[in-house]
Amino acid sequence: MNKKHKHFLPAIAFVVLLGLQLSAVNAFAQGPGQGGPGAGGPGAGGPGGPGGPGGAPRRSNLPPIPLAEDTTHSITKHFTPSTPVKKAPDAKGFIQRWLVLDPVKKNLRGNSSITESYLKTTFSTENFSQDFNAVPKNNSTVTIAGQELQWHALDSKAFNFNLYHFSYATNKPKAGVLFWLVTVINCTEDIKNVRLAAGVNSGGAFWLNGEQVLTIPGDKDIIVDNVVSPLLTLKKGKNIVRAAILNGQGMCNFVARFIDEKGQPVKNYTLSYE
């Protein structure tokens, strides 16, 4: 190699390294609406199936976090106000209709502190009602920890219920928060041997007809059917599902549905908020 070419070698190496760095940045910085490799969900082939015995659960395709310059704060971007007309679960059995309470602001800076004992204390001290069969009225208010909070009956436009988007749209805190949610499952007959299956970011719990059937401590990622309850019976008439979701930092999101003993979605019921 002559001396002229040797002179340009450092510059050529710098250009090659710069190109590799730009490729890596483009690979990881996906824009809104772009799913990751293998992700399911609306717009990408639907949510992943249940993680049955011996099979790893699939990661859900999450709706994008609003861009910093998105100042529309519109609740109708990701939700539809619920109507008195009863609603079926979606095609894969996901529960999209919930009464959601404005977030309770907590001194919760991280997700690792969401332990079972932390959840137990929170549910006993920052609860809108110790009657776990209570169904709040839409648009009613309640005071928790000195904070006046309002209930909203909403249908998610996606299979999941994105609480980060809810907080963003209503100009409420998005980090260090506790959400309470309630929905009503209406059955025309007893539906036996079903499980409540959920995925939560970051932690929380679920109750069916006053009984706590799922406890999800720690810093979890939202994965469809990540945790499942023991076998349950949905009774004829109204069944009350309550959820509590906590988040320290980052995305706050959950999915829930009933599945049968084979892991298939249960859909022969309707949803209402009263």
Protein backbone atom coordinates (compact mmCIF):
# COMPACT_ATOMS: atom_id res chain seq x y z
CA MET A 1 0.00 0.00 0.00
CA ASN A 2 1.44 3.34 -0.99
CA LYS A 3 1.89 6.24 1.42
CA LYS A 4 -1.03 8.18 -0.13
CA HIS A 5 -3.56 5.40 0.74
CA LYS A 6 -2.14 4.94 4.26
CA HIS A 7 -2.82 8.64 4.86
CA PHE A 8 -6.59 8.13 4.28
CA LEU A 9 -7.04 4.93 6.34
CA PRO A 10 -8.06 6.66 9.65
CA ALA A 11 -10.67 8.75 7.82
CA ILE A 12 -12.14 5.68 6.09
CA ALA A 13 -12.34 3.81 9.41
CA PHE A 14 -14.14 6.76 11.03
CA VAL A 15 -16.75 6.86 8.24
CA VAL A 16 -17.40 3.10 8.55
CA LEU A 17 -17.84 3.31 12.37
CA LEU A 18 -20.18 6.30 12.02
CA GLY A 19 -22.33 4.34 9.54
CA LEU A 20 -22.59 1.37 11.93
CA GLN A 21 -23.68 3.65 14.81
CA LEU A 22 -26.42 5.28 12.71
CA SER A 23 -27.72 1.84 11.68
CA ALA A 24 -27.93 0.78 15.32
CA VAL A 25 -29.83 3.94 16.29
CA ASN A 26 -32.37 3.41 13.51
CA ALA A 27 -32.86 -0.21 14.53
CA PHE A 28 -33.81 0.56 18.15
CA ALA A 29 -35.59 3.93 17.91
CA GLN A 30 -38.94 2.83 16.46
CA GLY A 31 -41.45 5.54 15.73
CA PRO A 32 -45.04 5.53 16.99
CA GLY A 33 -47.09 2.64 15.64
CA GLN A 34 -44.13 0.46 14.70
CA GLY A 35 -44.17 -2.93 16.38
CA GLY A 36 -41.10 -4.80 17.39
CA PRO A 37 -40.02 -8.03 15.81
CA GLY A 38 -42.47 -10.78 16.51
CA ALA A 39 -44.90 -8.49 18.34
CA GLY A 40 -48.61 -9.09 18.07
CA GLY A 41 -51.52 -6.75 18.64
CA PRO A 42 -53.84 -4.57 16.64
CA GLY A 43 -52.34 -3.63 13.35
CA ALA A 44 -49.77 -6.37 13.66
CA GLY A 45 -51.85 -9.52 13.55
CA GLY A 46 -53.53 -9.34 16.98
CA PRO A 47 -52.25 -10.03 20.47
CA GLY A 48 -50.13 -12.99 21.26
CA GLY A 49 -51.73 -16.13 22.54
CA PRO A 50 -51.61 -17.50 26.06
CA GLY A 51 -48.38 -18.71 27.47
CA GLY A 52 -49.39 -22.24 28.26
CA PRO A 53 -47.36 -24.84 30.09
CA GLY A 54 -43.97 -25.21 28.48
CA GLY A 55 -44.48 -22.23 26.21
CA ALA A 56 -43.15 -18.74 26.77
CA PRO A 57 -45.84 -16.05 26.71
CA ARG A 58 -45.72 -13.70 23.78
CA ARG A 59 -44.96 -10.03 24.23
CA SER A 60 -47.81 -7.69 23.39
CA ASN A 61 -47.42 -4.93 20.85
CA LEU A 62 -47.85 -1.78 22.93
CA PRO A 63 -49.43 1.39 21.63
CA PRO A 64 -46.85 4.14 21.29
CA ILE A 65 -46.05 6.57 24.07
CA PRO A 66 -47.26 10.03 22.98
CA LEU A 67 -44.55 12.19 21.51
CA ALA A 68 -43.40 15.10 23.64
CA GLU A 69 -44.73 17.56 21.08
CA ASP A 70 -48.18 15.90 20.99
CA THR A 71 -50.27 18.44 22.90
CA THR A 72 -53.74 17.32 21.80
CA HIS A 73 -54.47 15.46 25.08
CA SER A 74 -57.59 13.95 23.52
CA ILE A 75 -59.31 11.13 25.43
CA THR A 76 -60.98 9.97 22.20
CA LYS A 77 -57.62 9.19 20.59
CA HIS A 78 -57.38 5.89 22.44
CA PHE A 79 -60.77 5.55 24.18
CA THR A 80 -64.50 5.85 23.49
CA PRO A 81 -66.86 7.01 26.25
CA SER A 82 -68.93 3.97 27.24
CA THR A 83 -72.66 3.90 26.53
CA PRO A 84 -75.44 2.14 28.48
CA VAL A 85 -75.55 -0.47 25.69
CA LYS A 86 -73.85 -3.64 26.85
CA LYS A 87 -70.68 -4.54 24.99
CA ALA A 88 -69.16 -7.89 24.09
CA PRO A 89 -65.48 -8.59 24.77
CA ASP A 90 -63.32 -8.25 21.67
CA ALA A 91 -62.67 -11.06 19.19
CA LYS A 92 -59.95 -12.54 21.41
CA GLY A 93 -61.93 -12.11 24.62
CA PHE A 94 -60.16 -9.01 25.95
CA ILE A 95 -62.09 -6.77 28.35
CA GLN A 96 -62.04 -3.28 26.84
CA ARG A 97 -64.76 -1.60 28.98
CA TRP A 98 -63.72 -0.28 32.41
CA LEU A 99 -64.72 2.32 34.92
CA VAL A 100 -61.38 3.97 35.67
CA LEU A 101 -60.69 6.36 38.53
CA ASP A 102 -58.31 9.28 38.16
CA PRO A 103 -54.88 8.15 39.37
CA VAL A 104 -54.09 8.38 43.08
CA LYS A 105 -50.74 10.20 43.30
CA LYS A 106 -48.33 8.27 45.49
CA ASN A 107 -44.79 8.71 46.72
CA LEU A 108 -43.68 5.80 44.55
CA ARG A 109 -40.46 6.52 42.68
CA GLY A 110 -39.70 3.04 41.39
CA ASN A 111 -41.42 -0.22 40.56
CA SER A 112 -39.21 -2.54 42.63
CA SER A 113 -40.95 -1.43 45.84
CA ILE A 114 -44.29 -2.85 44.66
CA THR A 115 -44.09 -5.91 46.89
CA GLU A 116 -47.00 -8.02 48.14
CA SER A 117 -46.89 -6.27 51.52
CA TYR A 118 -46.82 -2.86 49.80
CA LEU A 119 -49.87 -3.85 47.74
CA LYS A 120 -51.71 -5.11 50.83
CA THR A 121 -51.08 -1.85 52.70
CA THR A 122 -52.09 0.25 49.70
CA PHE A 123 -55.35 -1.65 49.20
CA SER A 124 -56.30 -1.15 52.84
CA THR A 125 -55.43 2.55 53.12
CA GLU A 126 -55.97 4.07 49.65
CA ASN A 127 -59.12 2.34 48.54
CA PHE A 128 -62.35 3.95 47.34
CA SER A 129 -64.38 1.20 49.08
CA GLN A 130 -63.64 -1.89 51.14
CA ASP A 131 -66.78 -3.40 49.59
CA PHE A 132 -65.11 -5.09 46.64
CA ASN A 133 -68.50 -5.64 44.98
CA ALA A 134 -69.17 -1.90 44.87
CA VAL A 135 -69.76 -0.41 41.41
CA PRO A 136 -69.16 3.37 41.34
CA LYS A 137 -71.33 5.69 39.28
CA ASN A 138 -69.87 7.09 36.09
CA ASN A 139 -68.64 10.69 36.55
CA SER A 140 -69.03 10.46 40.34
CA THR A 141 -66.17 11.61 42.56
CA VAL A 142 -64.43 10.19 45.61
CA THR A 143 -61.67 11.47 47.89
CA ILE A 144 -58.64 9.25 48.53
CA ALA A 145 -55.59 10.44 50.48
CA GLY A 146 -56.90 13.99 50.31
CA GLN A 147 -57.26 13.87 46.51
CA GLU A 148 -60.64 14.37 44.84
CA LEU A 149 -60.85 11.91 41.96
CA GLN A 150 -63.43 11.22 39.26
CA TRP A 151 -64.70 7.99 37.68
CA HIS A 152 -64.76 7.63 33.89
CA ALA A 153 -66.56 4.87 31.95
CA LEU A 154 -64.40 4.19 28.90
CA ASP A 155 -64.00 1.61 26.14
CA SER A 156 -60.43 1.11 24.99
CA LYS A 157 -59.96 1.17 21.22
CA ALA A 158 -57.20 -1.40 21.59
CA PHE A 159 -57.23 -4.85 23.18
CA ASN A 160 -55.26 -3.45 26.12
CA PHE A 161 -56.18 -0.59 28.48
CA ASN A 162 -53.38 1.94 28.41
CA LEU A 163 -53.40 3.93 31.65
CA TYR A 164 -50.44 6.04 30.58
CA HIS A 165 -52.53 7.29 27.64
CA PHE A 166 -55.48 7.88 29.98
CA SER A 167 -53.34 10.02 32.31
CA TYR A 168 -51.83 11.90 29.40
CA ALA A 169 -55.25 12.64 27.87
CA THR A 170 -56.70 13.87 31.17
CA ASN A 171 -53.61 15.83 32.28
CA LYS A 172 -53.14 13.61 35.33
CA PRO A 173 -49.91 12.25 36.84
CA LYS A 174 -48.33 9.42 34.86
CA ALA A 175 -45.71 8.24 37.34
CA GLY A 176 -45.97 7.25 40.99
CA VAL A 177 -49.65 6.40 40.65
CA LEU A 178 -52.36 3.96 41.69
CA PHE A 179 -55.35 3.26 39.43
CA TRP A 180 -58.63 1.66 40.52
CA LEU A 181 -60.84 0.06 37.86
CA VAL A 182 -64.17 -1.78 37.87
CA THR A 183 -66.16 -3.58 35.20
CA VAL A 184 -69.34 -5.67 35.21
CA ILE A 185 -69.51 -9.08 33.52
CA ASN A 186 -73.09 -10.04 32.59
CA CYS A 187 -73.77 -13.76 32.08
CA THR A 188 -76.98 -15.44 30.92
CA GLU A 189 -75.94 -18.66 32.67
CA ASP A 190 -73.20 -19.97 34.94
CA ILE A 191 -69.87 -20.24 33.11
CA LYS A 192 -67.73 -22.73 35.01
CA ASN A 193 -64.02 -23.61 34.91
CA VAL A 194 -62.69 -20.32 33.61
CA ARG A 195 -59.57 -18.41 34.62
CA LEU A 196 -58.98 -14.66 34.79
CA ALA A 197 -55.78 -14.04 32.81
CA ALA A 198 -53.92 -10.74 32.90
CA GLY A 199 -50.73 -8.92 32.05
CA VAL A 200 -49.75 -5.75 33.90
CA ASN A 201 -47.13 -3.03 33.72
CA SER A 202 -46.02 -2.62 36.47
CA GLY A 203 -47.90 -4.36 39.36
CA GLY A 204 -51.37 -4.78 40.81
CA ALA A 205 -54.21 -7.14 41.67
CA PHE A 206 -57.62 -8.33 40.47
CA TRP A 207 -60.79 -9.34 42.32
CA LEU A 208 -63.83 -11.28 41.12
CA ASN A 209 -67.05 -10.88 43.11
CA GLY A 210 -65.15 -9.65 46.15
CA GLU A 211 -62.45 -12.35 46.13
CA GLN A 212 -58.86 -11.45 45.29
CA VAL A 213 -57.93 -13.88 42.51
CA LEU A 214 -54.70 -12.36 41.14
CA THR A 215 -51.82 -10.61 42.91
CA ILE A 216 -49.05 -9.23 40.71
CA PRO A 217 -46.17 -7.70 42.69
CA GLY A 218 -42.91 -6.34 41.34
CA ASP A 219 -41.91 -4.63 38.13
CA LYS A 220 -43.68 -6.62 35.41
CA ASP A 221 -43.92 -6.03 31.69
CA ILE A 222 -47.28 -6.31 29.98
CA ILE A 223 -47.56 -9.82 28.52
CA VAL A 224 -50.85 -11.37 27.45
CA ASP A 225 -52.00 -14.05 29.94
CA ASN A 226 -48.83 -13.55 31.95
CA VAL A 227 -50.62 -14.57 35.16
CA VAL A 228 -53.77 -16.66 35.49
CA SER A 229 -56.13 -17.32 38.39
CA PRO A 230 -57.27 -20.67 39.72
CA LEU A 231 -60.40 -22.09 38.09
CA LEU A 232 -63.39 -19.83 38.73
CA THR A 233 -67.11 -19.68 37.99
CA LEU A 234 -68.79 -16.70 36.38
CA LYS A 235 -72.25 -16.84 37.89
CA LYS A 236 -75.50 -16.15 36.06
CA GLY A 237 -76.27 -12.43 36.29
CA LYS A 238 -73.75 -9.73 37.25
CA ASN A 239 -70.14 -10.43 38.19
CA ILE A 240 -67.95 -7.61 39.48
CA VAL A 241 -64.30 -7.44 38.45
CA ARG A 242 -62.12 -4.91 40.24
CA ALA A 243 -58.51 -4.12 39.37
CA ALA A 244 -55.79 -2.05 41.01
CA ILE A 245 -52.75 -1.12 38.92
CA LEU A 246 -49.66 0.62 40.32
CA ASN A 247 -46.83 2.26 38.48
CA GLY A 248 -43.65 3.91 39.67
CA GLN A 249 -42.03 5.03 36.44
CA GLY A 250 -42.50 4.42 32.72
CA MET A 251 -45.41 2.83 30.85
CA CYS A 252 -48.56 1.89 32.77
CA ASN A 253 -50.76 -0.59 30.99
CA PHE A 254 -52.73 -3.84 31.39
CA VAL A 255 -54.68 -6.53 29.56
CA ALA A 256 -57.30 -8.89 31.01
CA ARG A 257 -59.63 -11.60 29.74
CA PHE A 258 -61.21 -14.86 30.79
CA ILE A 259 -59.92 -18.10 29.28
CA ASP A 260 -61.20 -21.67 29.52
CA GLU A 261 -59.32 -24.75 30.69
CA LYS A 262 -57.67 -25.05 27.24
CA GLY A 263 -56.50 -21.44 27.26
CA GLN A 264 -59.12 -20.35 24.73
CA PRO A 265 -60.88 -16.99 25.21
CA VAL A 266 -64.29 -16.97 26.89
CA LYS A 267 -66.62 -14.57 25.10
CA ASN A 268 -70.21 -15.59 25.86
CA TYR A 269 -70.94 -12.67 28.15
CA THR A 270 -71.37 -8.89 27.91
CA LEU A 271 -69.73 -5.92 29.64
CA SER A 272 -71.33 -2.91 31.29
CA TYR A 273 -70.37 -0.18 33.75
CA GLU A 274 -73.40 -0.40 36.01
